[in-house]
Amino acid sequence: MISLRQDPPQLCGGCPLRRLDMDTVTDLQPENGAIGVMHVDRGQVLPNGGPLDRFLMLRAGALKVEYLNPEGRPEVAAFLLPGEPVVTAFADEPVAITALQESWICDLDPERVHCAPDRSGEVLHALTHAIGAQAAQDQRRLILARSGEVAERLMWFLRDLSARQQSATVTLVMTRSDIAHYLETTAESVSRAFTDLVAQGAIVRERPRRIRLASA
C-alpha cells in the first residue's frame, strides 16, 4: 500500500535543503502541501517510477531501480539507500522503482515551495543539482559494478554499501539474484564469489544478510 502523510517533522538527514540551513519543513510552509512523506510497503512498485514533476528523497528503507535494456529485459540500475534522491529515469529511459523494505520517501513539489522569495532560486538549484549528482553517481557505480572479475565486483559492491551505510557491517536488503543482475553475472557466480571472499578473509559472514568487511 502506498500512502502519503503531510508535514514530516524534519527534513531528511541527506536532504540538499539542509545545505541551505533549513532543518524543518516549516521553512517550506508545509501547510500548502508542498512536502509530505510517502509510505511504501515492501514489494510495492512506485507508479510509473514516481512522479516526474516532484522531488523524491528516500527517508528510510531501501529501493531498487530497474530499467529496460535494448533487448527489452529489465536490468537493475541502482539500489537507493536513506538520504539519496530518487532518480525517475536512467539513461533517459523511464524506470521501475520497487521497495526492498518498508520505506518512507520525502515527496516535495517544487511548484508549491514558497519559502522566502529571495531563496526560491536556491531551493530549485539545490534540488536540480542533487538529482543530477545522484544520476551521475548511479551510472558511475553501474560501470564499476560490471568491471573486473566477479569477486572483485562483489568486493567493490560491498565496500560501496559499507561507505553508504556508514558501517563496516553491511546489511544486504537486496536478494542474491538482484545483486547478480546488478553485477551483470549469475546468482551462482555471486555465491561462489562470497565463498571465495570468506576463504580469503576479506569478509566475515555474520548472518546470511549481514556481512562484515575485514579490512574496514
N, C-alpha and C. Protein backbone atom coordinates (compact mmCIF):
# COMPACT_ATOMS: atom_id res chain seq x y z
N MET A 1 0.84 -1.20 0.00
CA MET A 1 0.00 0.00 0.00
C MET A 1 0.88 1.25 0.00
N ILE A 2 0.55 2.21 -0.85
CA ILE A 2 1.27 3.47 -0.92
C ILE A 2 0.37 4.56 -0.35
N SER A 3 0.85 5.28 0.65
CA SER A 3 0.06 6.34 1.25
C SER A 3 0.93 7.57 1.43
N LEU A 4 0.30 8.73 1.57
CA LEU A 4 1.03 10.00 1.70
C LEU A 4 0.61 10.68 2.98
N ARG A 5 1.57 11.02 3.81
CA ARG A 5 1.31 11.78 5.04
C ARG A 5 1.95 13.15 4.91
N GLN A 6 1.21 14.19 5.18
CA GLN A 6 1.73 15.54 5.08
C GLN A 6 2.55 15.90 6.32
N ASP A 7 3.37 16.93 6.16
CA ASP A 7 4.09 17.54 7.27
C ASP A 7 5.01 16.61 8.04
N PRO A 8 6.10 16.09 7.41
CA PRO A 8 7.11 15.37 8.16
C PRO A 8 7.78 16.31 9.13
N PRO A 9 8.18 15.85 10.34
CA PRO A 9 8.70 16.76 11.36
C PRO A 9 10.02 17.43 11.00
N GLN A 10 10.87 16.74 10.29
CA GLN A 10 12.17 17.31 9.94
C GLN A 10 12.55 16.89 8.53
N LEU A 11 13.41 17.68 7.91
CA LEU A 11 13.92 17.29 6.60
C LEU A 11 14.84 16.09 6.77
N CYS A 12 14.95 15.26 5.74
CA CYS A 12 15.80 14.07 5.79
C CYS A 12 17.25 14.47 6.07
N GLY A 13 18.00 13.56 6.69
CA GLY A 13 19.39 13.86 7.03
C GLY A 13 20.23 14.24 5.83
N GLY A 14 19.98 13.61 4.67
CA GLY A 14 20.76 13.90 3.48
C GLY A 14 20.12 14.91 2.55
N CYS A 15 19.04 15.54 3.01
CA CYS A 15 18.31 16.46 2.14
C CYS A 15 19.20 17.62 1.69
N PRO A 16 19.20 17.92 0.39
CA PRO A 16 20.03 19.04 -0.10
C PRO A 16 19.61 20.38 0.46
N LEU A 17 18.37 20.49 0.95
CA LEU A 17 17.92 21.75 1.52
C LEU A 17 18.59 22.04 2.85
N ARG A 18 19.14 21.02 3.49
CA ARG A 18 19.88 21.26 4.73
C ARG A 18 21.11 22.12 4.46
N ARG A 19 21.64 22.03 3.25
CA ARG A 19 22.80 22.86 2.92
C ARG A 19 22.42 24.33 2.82
N LEU A 20 21.12 24.60 2.78
CA LEU A 20 20.63 25.98 2.76
C LEU A 20 20.20 26.41 4.16
N ASP A 21 20.68 25.65 5.17
CA ASP A 21 20.36 25.94 6.58
C ASP A 21 18.88 25.80 6.88
N MET A 22 18.22 24.88 6.18
CA MET A 22 16.83 24.55 6.50
C MET A 22 16.85 23.23 7.27
N ASP A 23 16.14 23.17 8.39
CA ASP A 23 16.13 21.97 9.21
C ASP A 23 14.76 21.30 9.27
N THR A 24 13.71 22.09 9.24
CA THR A 24 12.37 21.53 9.35
C THR A 24 11.51 22.00 8.19
N VAL A 25 10.39 21.32 8.02
CA VAL A 25 9.51 21.67 6.91
C VAL A 25 8.84 23.01 7.11
N THR A 26 8.91 23.58 8.31
CA THR A 26 8.31 24.91 8.50
C THR A 26 8.98 25.94 7.61
N ASP A 27 10.25 25.66 7.23
CA ASP A 27 10.95 26.57 6.32
C ASP A 27 10.32 26.56 4.93
N LEU A 28 9.52 25.53 4.63
CA LEU A 28 8.90 25.41 3.31
C LEU A 28 7.40 25.66 3.36
N GLN A 29 6.91 26.09 4.50
CA GLN A 29 5.48 26.32 4.67
C GLN A 29 4.67 25.09 4.24
N PRO A 30 4.76 23.99 5.00
CA PRO A 30 4.13 22.74 4.59
C PRO A 30 2.61 22.78 4.52
N GLU A 31 1.98 23.81 5.11
CA GLU A 31 0.52 23.86 5.07
C GLU A 31 -0.02 23.95 3.65
N ASN A 32 0.82 24.34 2.69
CA ASN A 32 0.34 24.42 1.31
C ASN A 32 0.51 23.11 0.56
N GLY A 33 0.88 22.04 1.27
CA GLY A 33 1.01 20.74 0.63
C GLY A 33 2.26 20.57 -0.18
N ALA A 34 3.28 21.41 0.04
CA ALA A 34 4.50 21.33 -0.75
C ALA A 34 5.28 20.06 -0.46
N ILE A 35 5.18 19.55 0.76
CA ILE A 35 6.01 18.41 1.13
C ILE A 35 5.21 17.43 1.98
N GLY A 36 5.49 16.16 1.78
CA GLY A 36 4.85 15.12 2.56
C GLY A 36 5.76 13.91 2.60
N VAL A 37 5.30 12.85 3.24
CA VAL A 37 6.06 11.60 3.29
C VAL A 37 5.22 10.48 2.69
N MET A 38 5.78 9.82 1.69
CA MET A 38 5.12 8.70 1.04
C MET A 38 5.54 7.41 1.72
N HIS A 39 4.59 6.60 2.15
CA HIS A 39 4.88 5.30 2.76
C HIS A 39 4.66 4.21 1.72
N VAL A 40 5.67 3.34 1.53
CA VAL A 40 5.60 2.29 0.52
C VAL A 40 5.90 0.95 1.19
N ASP A 41 5.00 0.00 1.08
CA ASP A 41 5.21 -1.32 1.65
C ASP A 41 6.26 -2.09 0.86
N ARG A 42 6.89 -3.06 1.52
CA ARG A 42 7.88 -3.91 0.85
C ARG A 42 7.24 -4.60 -0.35
N GLY A 43 7.95 -4.56 -1.48
CA GLY A 43 7.47 -5.19 -2.70
C GLY A 43 6.61 -4.29 -3.56
N GLN A 44 6.17 -3.15 -3.02
CA GLN A 44 5.35 -2.23 -3.80
C GLN A 44 6.20 -1.50 -4.84
N VAL A 45 5.59 -1.23 -5.97
CA VAL A 45 6.26 -0.50 -7.05
C VAL A 45 5.66 0.89 -7.15
N LEU A 46 6.54 1.90 -7.21
CA LEU A 46 6.04 3.26 -7.38
C LEU A 46 5.41 3.39 -8.76
N PRO A 47 4.20 3.89 -8.86
CA PRO A 47 3.54 4.03 -10.17
C PRO A 47 4.39 4.86 -11.13
N ASN A 48 4.66 4.29 -12.31
CA ASN A 48 5.43 4.98 -13.35
C ASN A 48 6.79 5.46 -12.87
N GLY A 49 7.37 4.76 -11.88
CA GLY A 49 8.67 5.15 -11.37
C GLY A 49 8.64 6.37 -10.49
N GLY A 50 7.45 6.83 -10.12
CA GLY A 50 7.33 8.02 -9.28
C GLY A 50 6.97 9.23 -10.12
N PRO A 51 6.40 10.24 -9.50
CA PRO A 51 6.00 11.45 -10.24
C PRO A 51 7.21 12.20 -10.80
N LEU A 52 7.17 12.51 -12.09
CA LEU A 52 8.31 13.14 -12.75
C LEU A 52 8.45 14.62 -12.38
N ASP A 53 7.36 15.24 -11.90
CA ASP A 53 7.41 16.67 -11.64
C ASP A 53 7.66 16.98 -10.16
N ARG A 54 8.08 15.96 -9.38
CA ARG A 54 8.31 16.17 -7.96
C ARG A 54 9.71 15.70 -7.59
N PHE A 55 10.18 16.17 -6.44
CA PHE A 55 11.48 15.77 -5.93
C PHE A 55 11.26 14.73 -4.84
N LEU A 56 11.84 13.54 -5.02
CA LEU A 56 11.69 12.45 -4.06
C LEU A 56 13.03 12.14 -3.42
N MET A 57 13.02 11.97 -2.10
CA MET A 57 14.23 11.62 -1.36
C MET A 57 13.89 10.46 -0.42
N LEU A 58 14.67 9.39 -0.50
CA LEU A 58 14.42 8.25 0.37
C LEU A 58 14.75 8.62 1.81
N ARG A 59 13.75 8.53 2.66
CA ARG A 59 13.91 8.92 4.06
C ARG A 59 14.33 7.73 4.93
N ALA A 60 13.74 6.56 4.65
CA ALA A 60 14.07 5.33 5.37
C ALA A 60 13.69 4.16 4.50
N GLY A 61 14.41 3.03 4.67
CA GLY A 61 14.13 1.85 3.86
C GLY A 61 15.17 1.66 2.76
N ALA A 62 14.76 1.03 1.67
CA ALA A 62 15.67 0.78 0.54
C ALA A 62 14.83 0.56 -0.71
N LEU A 63 15.35 1.03 -1.85
CA LEU A 63 14.65 0.92 -3.12
C LEU A 63 15.53 0.27 -4.18
N LYS A 64 14.89 -0.44 -5.09
CA LYS A 64 15.59 -0.99 -6.26
C LYS A 64 15.08 -0.27 -7.51
N VAL A 65 16.03 0.18 -8.34
CA VAL A 65 15.69 0.90 -9.57
C VAL A 65 16.01 0.00 -10.76
N GLU A 66 15.05 -0.21 -11.62
CA GLU A 66 15.24 -1.06 -12.81
C GLU A 66 14.84 -0.30 -14.08
N TYR A 67 15.49 -0.67 -15.17
CA TYR A 67 15.15 -0.10 -16.47
C TYR A 67 15.15 -1.22 -17.50
N LEU A 68 14.59 -0.96 -18.67
CA LEU A 68 14.58 -1.96 -19.74
C LEU A 68 15.79 -1.76 -20.64
N ASN A 69 16.56 -2.84 -20.84
CA ASN A 69 17.72 -2.75 -21.74
C ASN A 69 17.24 -2.77 -23.19
N PRO A 70 18.15 -2.57 -24.17
CA PRO A 70 17.71 -2.53 -25.58
C PRO A 70 16.98 -3.78 -26.04
N GLU A 71 17.21 -4.92 -25.34
CA GLU A 71 16.51 -6.16 -25.71
C GLU A 71 15.15 -6.26 -25.04
N GLY A 72 14.81 -5.24 -24.23
CA GLY A 72 13.51 -5.25 -23.58
C GLY A 72 13.47 -6.00 -22.26
N ARG A 73 14.64 -6.38 -21.73
CA ARG A 73 14.69 -7.10 -20.46
C ARG A 73 15.00 -6.12 -19.32
N PRO A 74 14.37 -6.31 -18.15
CA PRO A 74 14.65 -5.42 -17.03
C PRO A 74 16.04 -5.65 -16.46
N GLU A 75 16.74 -4.58 -16.15
CA GLU A 75 18.06 -4.65 -15.52
C GLU A 75 18.08 -3.74 -14.31
N VAL A 76 18.82 -4.16 -13.28
CA VAL A 76 18.95 -3.35 -12.08
C VAL A 76 19.93 -2.21 -12.36
N ALA A 77 19.46 -0.99 -12.19
CA ALA A 77 20.31 0.18 -12.44
C ALA A 77 20.92 0.72 -11.17
N ALA A 78 20.24 0.53 -10.04
CA ALA A 78 20.73 1.11 -8.79
C ALA A 78 19.96 0.56 -7.61
N PHE A 79 20.59 0.66 -6.45
CA PHE A 79 19.92 0.44 -5.16
C PHE A 79 20.03 1.76 -4.40
N LEU A 80 18.92 2.27 -3.92
CA LEU A 80 18.92 3.54 -3.22
C LEU A 80 18.77 3.33 -1.72
N LEU A 81 19.56 4.07 -0.95
CA LEU A 81 19.57 3.98 0.50
C LEU A 81 19.12 5.31 1.09
N PRO A 82 18.81 5.34 2.40
CA PRO A 82 18.32 6.57 3.01
C PRO A 82 19.24 7.77 2.78
N GLY A 83 18.61 8.92 2.50
CA GLY A 83 19.35 10.14 2.25
C GLY A 83 19.72 10.35 0.80
N GLU A 84 19.28 9.43 -0.09
CA GLU A 84 19.62 9.55 -1.51
C GLU A 84 18.38 9.93 -2.33
N PRO A 85 18.54 10.86 -3.28
CA PRO A 85 17.41 11.25 -4.13
C PRO A 85 16.95 10.09 -5.01
N VAL A 86 15.68 10.08 -5.33
CA VAL A 86 15.10 9.05 -6.19
C VAL A 86 15.11 9.58 -7.62
N VAL A 87 15.92 8.97 -8.46
CA VAL A 87 16.02 9.37 -9.87
C VAL A 87 14.99 8.58 -10.66
N THR A 88 14.11 9.28 -11.36
CA THR A 88 12.98 8.62 -12.03
C THR A 88 13.25 8.30 -13.50
N ALA A 89 14.51 8.39 -13.92
CA ALA A 89 14.89 7.99 -15.28
C ALA A 89 16.34 7.54 -15.25
N PHE A 90 16.70 6.63 -16.16
CA PHE A 90 18.07 6.15 -16.25
C PHE A 90 18.45 6.13 -17.72
N ALA A 91 19.53 6.86 -18.07
CA ALA A 91 19.95 6.98 -19.47
C ALA A 91 18.77 7.41 -20.33
N ASP A 92 18.00 8.38 -19.80
CA ASP A 92 16.84 8.95 -20.49
C ASP A 92 15.70 7.96 -20.69
N GLU A 93 15.76 6.81 -20.01
CA GLU A 93 14.69 5.83 -20.09
C GLU A 93 13.93 5.82 -18.77
N PRO A 94 12.60 5.62 -18.81
CA PRO A 94 11.83 5.53 -17.56
C PRO A 94 12.25 4.30 -16.76
N VAL A 95 12.04 4.34 -15.47
CA VAL A 95 12.45 3.24 -14.61
C VAL A 95 11.28 2.72 -13.79
N ALA A 96 11.46 1.52 -13.26
CA ALA A 96 10.53 0.95 -12.28
C ALA A 96 11.25 0.96 -10.94
N ILE A 97 10.58 1.44 -9.89
CA ILE A 97 11.19 1.55 -8.57
C ILE A 97 10.39 0.70 -7.60
N THR A 98 11.08 -0.26 -6.97
CA THR A 98 10.44 -1.21 -6.06
C THR A 98 11.02 -1.07 -4.66
N ALA A 99 10.17 -1.11 -3.66
CA ALA A 99 10.63 -1.04 -2.27
C ALA A 99 11.17 -2.40 -1.85
N LEU A 100 12.44 -2.43 -1.44
CA LEU A 100 13.06 -3.67 -0.96
C LEU A 100 12.71 -3.91 0.51
N GLN A 101 12.33 -2.85 1.20
CA GLN A 101 11.87 -2.90 2.58
C GLN A 101 10.70 -1.93 2.69
N GLU A 102 10.02 -1.98 3.81
CA GLU A 102 9.05 -0.92 4.08
C GLU A 102 9.81 0.40 4.06
N SER A 103 9.33 1.34 3.27
CA SER A 103 10.12 2.55 3.02
C SER A 103 9.27 3.81 3.17
N TRP A 104 9.96 4.90 3.48
CA TRP A 104 9.34 6.22 3.56
C TRP A 104 10.12 7.16 2.65
N ILE A 105 9.38 7.89 1.82
CA ILE A 105 10.00 8.76 0.82
C ILE A 105 9.48 10.18 0.99
N CYS A 106 10.40 11.14 1.18
CA CYS A 106 10.01 12.54 1.20
C CYS A 106 9.56 12.94 -0.20
N ASP A 107 8.43 13.60 -0.28
CA ASP A 107 7.81 13.97 -1.55
C ASP A 107 7.61 15.47 -1.56
N LEU A 108 8.40 16.17 -2.37
CA LEU A 108 8.37 17.63 -2.39
C LEU A 108 7.97 18.13 -3.77
N ASP A 109 7.01 19.03 -3.79
CA ASP A 109 6.53 19.63 -5.04
C ASP A 109 7.20 20.99 -5.21
N PRO A 110 8.19 21.11 -6.11
CA PRO A 110 8.91 22.40 -6.27
C PRO A 110 7.99 23.55 -6.63
N GLU A 111 6.88 23.25 -7.32
CA GLU A 111 5.97 24.32 -7.73
C GLU A 111 5.25 24.95 -6.55
N ARG A 112 5.24 24.26 -5.41
CA ARG A 112 4.47 24.76 -4.27
C ARG A 112 5.37 25.18 -3.11
N VAL A 113 6.67 25.26 -3.36
CA VAL A 113 7.59 25.71 -2.34
C VAL A 113 7.54 27.24 -2.28
N HIS A 114 7.12 27.76 -1.15
CA HIS A 114 7.01 29.21 -1.01
C HIS A 114 7.79 29.68 0.21
N CYS A 115 9.08 29.42 0.19
CA CYS A 115 9.92 29.97 1.24
C CYS A 115 10.21 31.42 0.88
N ALA A 116 11.14 32.03 1.58
CA ALA A 116 11.45 33.43 1.30
C ALA A 116 11.71 33.63 -0.19
N PRO A 117 11.09 34.63 -0.81
CA PRO A 117 11.20 34.83 -2.26
C PRO A 117 12.64 34.90 -2.75
N ASP A 118 13.53 35.46 -1.94
CA ASP A 118 14.90 35.60 -2.39
C ASP A 118 15.67 34.28 -2.33
N ARG A 119 15.03 33.20 -1.85
CA ARG A 119 15.70 31.90 -1.75
C ARG A 119 15.07 30.85 -2.67
N SER A 120 14.00 31.19 -3.35
CA SER A 120 13.32 30.19 -4.19
C SER A 120 14.25 29.64 -5.26
N GLY A 121 15.10 30.52 -5.82
CA GLY A 121 16.06 30.06 -6.82
C GLY A 121 17.07 29.10 -6.23
N GLU A 122 17.48 29.36 -4.98
CA GLU A 122 18.42 28.47 -4.31
C GLU A 122 17.82 27.09 -4.10
N VAL A 123 16.55 27.05 -3.73
CA VAL A 123 15.88 25.78 -3.48
C VAL A 123 15.83 24.94 -4.75
N LEU A 124 15.38 25.54 -5.84
CA LEU A 124 15.28 24.81 -7.11
C LEU A 124 16.65 24.35 -7.59
N HIS A 125 17.66 25.21 -7.42
CA HIS A 125 19.02 24.83 -7.82
C HIS A 125 19.51 23.66 -6.99
N ALA A 126 19.26 23.67 -5.69
CA ALA A 126 19.72 22.59 -4.81
C ALA A 126 19.07 21.26 -5.19
N LEU A 127 17.78 21.30 -5.50
CA LEU A 127 17.07 20.07 -5.86
C LEU A 127 17.55 19.54 -7.21
N THR A 128 17.69 20.43 -8.18
CA THR A 128 18.16 20.02 -9.51
C THR A 128 19.57 19.45 -9.45
N HIS A 129 20.44 20.10 -8.68
CA HIS A 129 21.81 19.62 -8.53
C HIS A 129 21.84 18.24 -7.88
N ALA A 130 21.02 18.03 -6.86
CA ALA A 130 21.00 16.74 -6.16
C ALA A 130 20.58 15.61 -7.09
N ILE A 131 19.56 15.85 -7.90
CA ILE A 131 19.09 14.82 -8.85
C ILE A 131 20.17 14.51 -9.88
N GLY A 132 20.81 15.56 -10.43
CA GLY A 132 21.86 15.35 -11.42
C GLY A 132 23.04 14.60 -10.85
N ALA A 133 23.43 14.95 -9.62
CA ALA A 133 24.57 14.28 -8.98
C ALA A 133 24.26 12.82 -8.70
N GLN A 134 23.02 12.53 -8.27
CA GLN A 134 22.65 11.15 -7.98
C GLN A 134 22.61 10.32 -9.26
N ALA A 135 22.07 10.89 -10.33
CA ALA A 135 22.00 10.17 -11.61
C ALA A 135 23.41 9.84 -12.11
N ALA A 136 24.33 10.81 -12.01
CA ALA A 136 25.71 10.56 -12.44
C ALA A 136 26.37 9.51 -11.56
N GLN A 137 26.13 9.57 -10.25
CA GLN A 137 26.71 8.60 -9.33
C GLN A 137 26.17 7.19 -9.61
N ASP A 138 24.87 7.09 -9.88
CA ASP A 138 24.29 5.78 -10.20
C ASP A 138 24.94 5.18 -11.44
N GLN A 139 25.19 5.99 -12.44
CA GLN A 139 25.80 5.48 -13.67
C GLN A 139 27.25 5.10 -13.44
N ARG A 140 28.00 5.89 -12.65
CA ARG A 140 29.39 5.53 -12.33
C ARG A 140 29.45 4.22 -11.56
N ARG A 141 28.54 4.09 -10.61
CA ARG A 141 28.51 2.85 -9.82
C ARG A 141 28.23 1.64 -10.71
N LEU A 142 27.32 1.79 -11.64
CA LEU A 142 26.98 0.66 -12.51
C LEU A 142 28.17 0.25 -13.36
N ILE A 143 28.94 1.20 -13.84
CA ILE A 143 30.14 0.88 -14.63
C ILE A 143 31.14 0.11 -13.78
N LEU A 144 31.39 0.58 -12.55
CA LEU A 144 32.33 -0.09 -11.66
C LEU A 144 31.83 -1.47 -11.25
N ALA A 145 30.51 -1.60 -11.10
CA ALA A 145 29.93 -2.88 -10.69
C ALA A 145 30.07 -3.95 -11.76
N ARG A 146 30.40 -3.55 -12.97
CA ARG A 146 30.47 -4.51 -14.07
C ARG A 146 31.86 -4.58 -14.69
N SER A 147 32.86 -4.18 -13.89
CA SER A 147 34.25 -4.20 -14.36
C SER A 147 35.08 -5.15 -13.51
N GLY A 148 35.84 -6.04 -14.16
CA GLY A 148 36.72 -6.94 -13.44
C GLY A 148 36.10 -8.31 -13.19
N GLU A 149 36.82 -9.13 -12.42
CA GLU A 149 36.33 -10.45 -12.07
C GLU A 149 35.15 -10.33 -11.11
N VAL A 150 34.33 -11.39 -11.05
CA VAL A 150 33.12 -11.33 -10.23
C VAL A 150 33.45 -11.05 -8.77
N ALA A 151 34.48 -11.71 -8.23
CA ALA A 151 34.85 -11.47 -6.83
C ALA A 151 35.27 -10.02 -6.60
N GLU A 152 35.96 -9.43 -7.57
CA GLU A 152 36.37 -8.03 -7.47
C GLU A 152 35.15 -7.12 -7.50
N ARG A 153 34.21 -7.44 -8.39
CA ARG A 153 32.98 -6.64 -8.49
C ARG A 153 32.18 -6.72 -7.19
N LEU A 154 32.07 -7.94 -6.64
CA LEU A 154 31.31 -8.11 -5.41
C LEU A 154 31.98 -7.37 -4.26
N MET A 155 33.32 -7.42 -4.19
CA MET A 155 34.02 -6.73 -3.11
C MET A 155 33.82 -5.22 -3.24
N TRP A 156 33.88 -4.72 -4.47
CA TRP A 156 33.62 -3.29 -4.67
C TRP A 156 32.21 -2.95 -4.21
N PHE A 157 31.24 -3.77 -4.56
CA PHE A 157 29.85 -3.55 -4.19
C PHE A 157 29.68 -3.49 -2.67
N LEU A 158 30.31 -4.42 -1.97
CA LEU A 158 30.21 -4.45 -0.51
C LEU A 158 30.87 -3.22 0.12
N ARG A 159 32.01 -2.82 -0.42
CA ARG A 159 32.68 -1.62 0.10
C ARG A 159 31.83 -0.37 -0.15
N ASP A 160 31.19 -0.31 -1.30
CA ASP A 160 30.33 0.83 -1.61
C ASP A 160 29.15 0.88 -0.64
N LEU A 161 28.53 -0.27 -0.39
CA LEU A 161 27.44 -0.32 0.57
C LEU A 161 27.91 0.07 1.96
N SER A 162 29.11 -0.39 2.33
CA SER A 162 29.67 -0.07 3.64
C SER A 162 29.82 1.44 3.80
N ALA A 163 30.33 2.09 2.77
CA ALA A 163 30.51 3.54 2.82
C ALA A 163 29.17 4.26 2.91
N ARG A 164 28.20 3.79 2.16
CA ARG A 164 26.89 4.45 2.14
C ARG A 164 26.09 4.18 3.41
N GLN A 165 26.27 2.99 3.99
CA GLN A 165 25.59 2.67 5.24
C GLN A 165 26.38 3.15 6.45
N GLN A 166 27.60 3.64 6.18
CA GLN A 166 28.49 4.15 7.23
C GLN A 166 28.69 3.12 8.34
N SER A 167 29.01 1.90 7.89
CA SER A 167 29.23 0.82 8.84
C SER A 167 30.11 -0.24 8.19
N ALA A 168 31.00 -0.84 8.99
CA ALA A 168 31.84 -1.92 8.49
C ALA A 168 31.04 -3.19 8.30
N THR A 169 29.88 -3.26 8.94
CA THR A 169 28.99 -4.41 8.77
C THR A 169 27.87 -4.02 7.83
N VAL A 170 27.79 -4.70 6.71
CA VAL A 170 26.83 -4.37 5.66
C VAL A 170 25.57 -5.21 5.81
N THR A 171 24.43 -4.56 5.72
CA THR A 171 23.15 -5.26 5.70
C THR A 171 22.68 -5.34 4.25
N LEU A 172 22.50 -6.56 3.77
CA LEU A 172 22.07 -6.78 2.39
C LEU A 172 20.54 -6.82 2.34
N VAL A 173 19.94 -5.75 1.86
CA VAL A 173 18.48 -5.69 1.78
C VAL A 173 17.99 -6.25 0.45
N MET A 174 18.91 -6.48 -0.48
CA MET A 174 18.55 -6.99 -1.79
C MET A 174 18.81 -8.50 -1.85
N THR A 175 18.18 -9.19 -2.78
CA THR A 175 18.35 -10.63 -2.92
C THR A 175 19.66 -10.95 -3.65
N ARG A 176 20.07 -12.21 -3.56
CA ARG A 176 21.26 -12.65 -4.29
C ARG A 176 21.06 -12.46 -5.79
N SER A 177 19.83 -12.71 -6.25
CA SER A 177 19.52 -12.53 -7.67
C SER A 177 19.63 -11.06 -8.07
N ASP A 178 19.16 -10.14 -7.22
CA ASP A 178 19.28 -8.71 -7.51
C ASP A 178 20.74 -8.30 -7.62
N ILE A 179 21.56 -8.81 -6.70
CA ILE A 179 23.00 -8.49 -6.74
C ILE A 179 23.61 -9.01 -8.04
N ALA A 180 23.24 -10.22 -8.43
CA ALA A 180 23.76 -10.80 -9.66
C ALA A 180 23.39 -9.96 -10.87
N HIS A 181 22.15 -9.53 -10.94
CA HIS A 181 21.72 -8.70 -12.07
C HIS A 181 22.49 -7.38 -12.09
N TYR A 182 22.68 -6.81 -10.92
CA TYR A 182 23.41 -5.54 -10.84
C TYR A 182 24.86 -5.70 -11.27
N LEU A 183 25.48 -6.81 -10.88
CA LEU A 183 26.89 -7.06 -11.24
C LEU A 183 27.03 -7.68 -12.63
N GLU A 184 25.90 -7.90 -13.28
CA GLU A 184 25.87 -8.50 -14.62
C GLU A 184 26.53 -9.88 -14.63
N THR A 185 26.05 -10.73 -13.74
CA THR A 185 26.54 -12.11 -13.67
C THR A 185 25.40 -13.00 -13.21
N THR A 186 25.70 -14.21 -12.76
CA THR A 186 24.66 -15.12 -12.31
C THR A 186 24.64 -15.23 -10.79
N ALA A 187 23.53 -15.69 -10.25
CA ALA A 187 23.42 -15.87 -8.80
C ALA A 187 24.43 -16.91 -8.32
N GLU A 188 24.68 -17.93 -9.15
CA GLU A 188 25.66 -18.96 -8.78
C GLU A 188 27.06 -18.36 -8.67
N SER A 189 27.41 -17.47 -9.61
CA SER A 189 28.72 -16.83 -9.57
C SER A 189 28.86 -15.93 -8.35
N VAL A 190 27.77 -15.26 -7.97
CA VAL A 190 27.80 -14.42 -6.77
C VAL A 190 28.02 -15.28 -5.53
N SER A 191 27.34 -16.42 -5.47
CA SER A 191 27.52 -17.33 -4.33
C SER A 191 28.96 -17.80 -4.23
N ARG A 192 29.56 -18.17 -5.37
CA ARG A 192 30.96 -18.61 -5.36
C ARG A 192 31.88 -17.47 -4.94
N ALA A 193 31.57 -16.26 -5.39
CA ALA A 193 32.40 -15.11 -5.03
C ALA A 193 32.32 -14.83 -3.53
N PHE A 194 31.14 -14.96 -2.94
CA PHE A 194 31.01 -14.80 -1.49
C PHE A 194 31.88 -15.84 -0.78
N THR A 195 31.82 -17.09 -1.24
CA THR A 195 32.61 -18.16 -0.62
C THR A 195 34.10 -17.87 -0.74
N ASP A 196 34.54 -17.40 -1.90
CA ASP A 196 35.96 -17.08 -2.11
C ASP A 196 36.40 -15.93 -1.19
N LEU A 197 35.58 -14.90 -1.06
CA LEU A 197 35.95 -13.76 -0.22
C LEU A 197 36.02 -14.14 1.25
N VAL A 198 35.14 -15.05 1.68
CA VAL A 198 35.21 -15.55 3.05
C VAL A 198 36.50 -16.34 3.25
N ALA A 199 36.82 -17.19 2.29
CA ALA A 199 38.03 -18.01 2.38
C ALA A 199 39.29 -17.15 2.40
N GLN A 200 39.26 -16.03 1.68
CA GLN A 200 40.40 -15.11 1.65
C GLN A 200 40.51 -14.25 2.90
N GLY A 201 39.48 -14.27 3.72
CA GLY A 201 39.47 -13.45 4.92
C GLY A 201 39.08 -12.01 4.66
N ALA A 202 38.57 -11.73 3.45
CA ALA A 202 38.19 -10.36 3.10
C ALA A 202 36.88 -9.94 3.77
N ILE A 203 36.00 -10.91 3.99
CA ILE A 203 34.72 -10.64 4.64
C ILE A 203 34.42 -11.72 5.65
N VAL A 204 33.54 -11.40 6.58
CA VAL A 204 33.05 -12.37 7.56
C VAL A 204 31.53 -12.37 7.46
N ARG A 205 30.95 -13.53 7.25
CA ARG A 205 29.50 -13.63 7.14
C ARG A 205 28.92 -13.84 8.54
N GLU A 206 28.42 -12.76 9.14
CA GLU A 206 27.87 -12.85 10.49
C GLU A 206 26.50 -13.51 10.49
N ARG A 207 25.70 -13.18 9.49
CA ARG A 207 24.40 -13.80 9.25
C ARG A 207 24.21 -13.81 7.74
N PRO A 208 23.24 -14.56 7.23
CA PRO A 208 23.07 -14.61 5.77
C PRO A 208 23.03 -13.25 5.08
N ARG A 209 22.42 -12.26 5.73
CA ARG A 209 22.30 -10.94 5.11
C ARG A 209 23.13 -9.87 5.82
N ARG A 210 24.01 -10.28 6.70
CA ARG A 210 24.90 -9.33 7.38
C ARG A 210 26.34 -9.75 7.14
N ILE A 211 27.08 -8.87 6.47
CA ILE A 211 28.47 -9.15 6.09
C ILE A 211 29.38 -8.10 6.71
N ARG A 212 30.42 -8.56 7.39
CA ARG A 212 31.40 -7.62 7.96
C ARG A 212 32.64 -7.61 7.08
N LEU A 213 33.09 -6.42 6.70
CA LEU A 213 34.29 -6.27 5.90
C LEU A 213 35.50 -6.32 6.83
N ALA A 214 36.36 -7.29 6.61
CA ALA A 214 37.50 -7.48 7.50
C ALA A 214 38.48 -6.32 7.41
N SER A 215 38.55 -5.67 6.24
CA SER A 215 39.53 -4.60 6.06
C SER A 215 38.99 -3.22 6.40
N ALA A 216 37.69 -3.17 6.78
CA ALA A 216 37.07 -1.86 7.06
C ALA A 216 37.39 -1.39 8.46
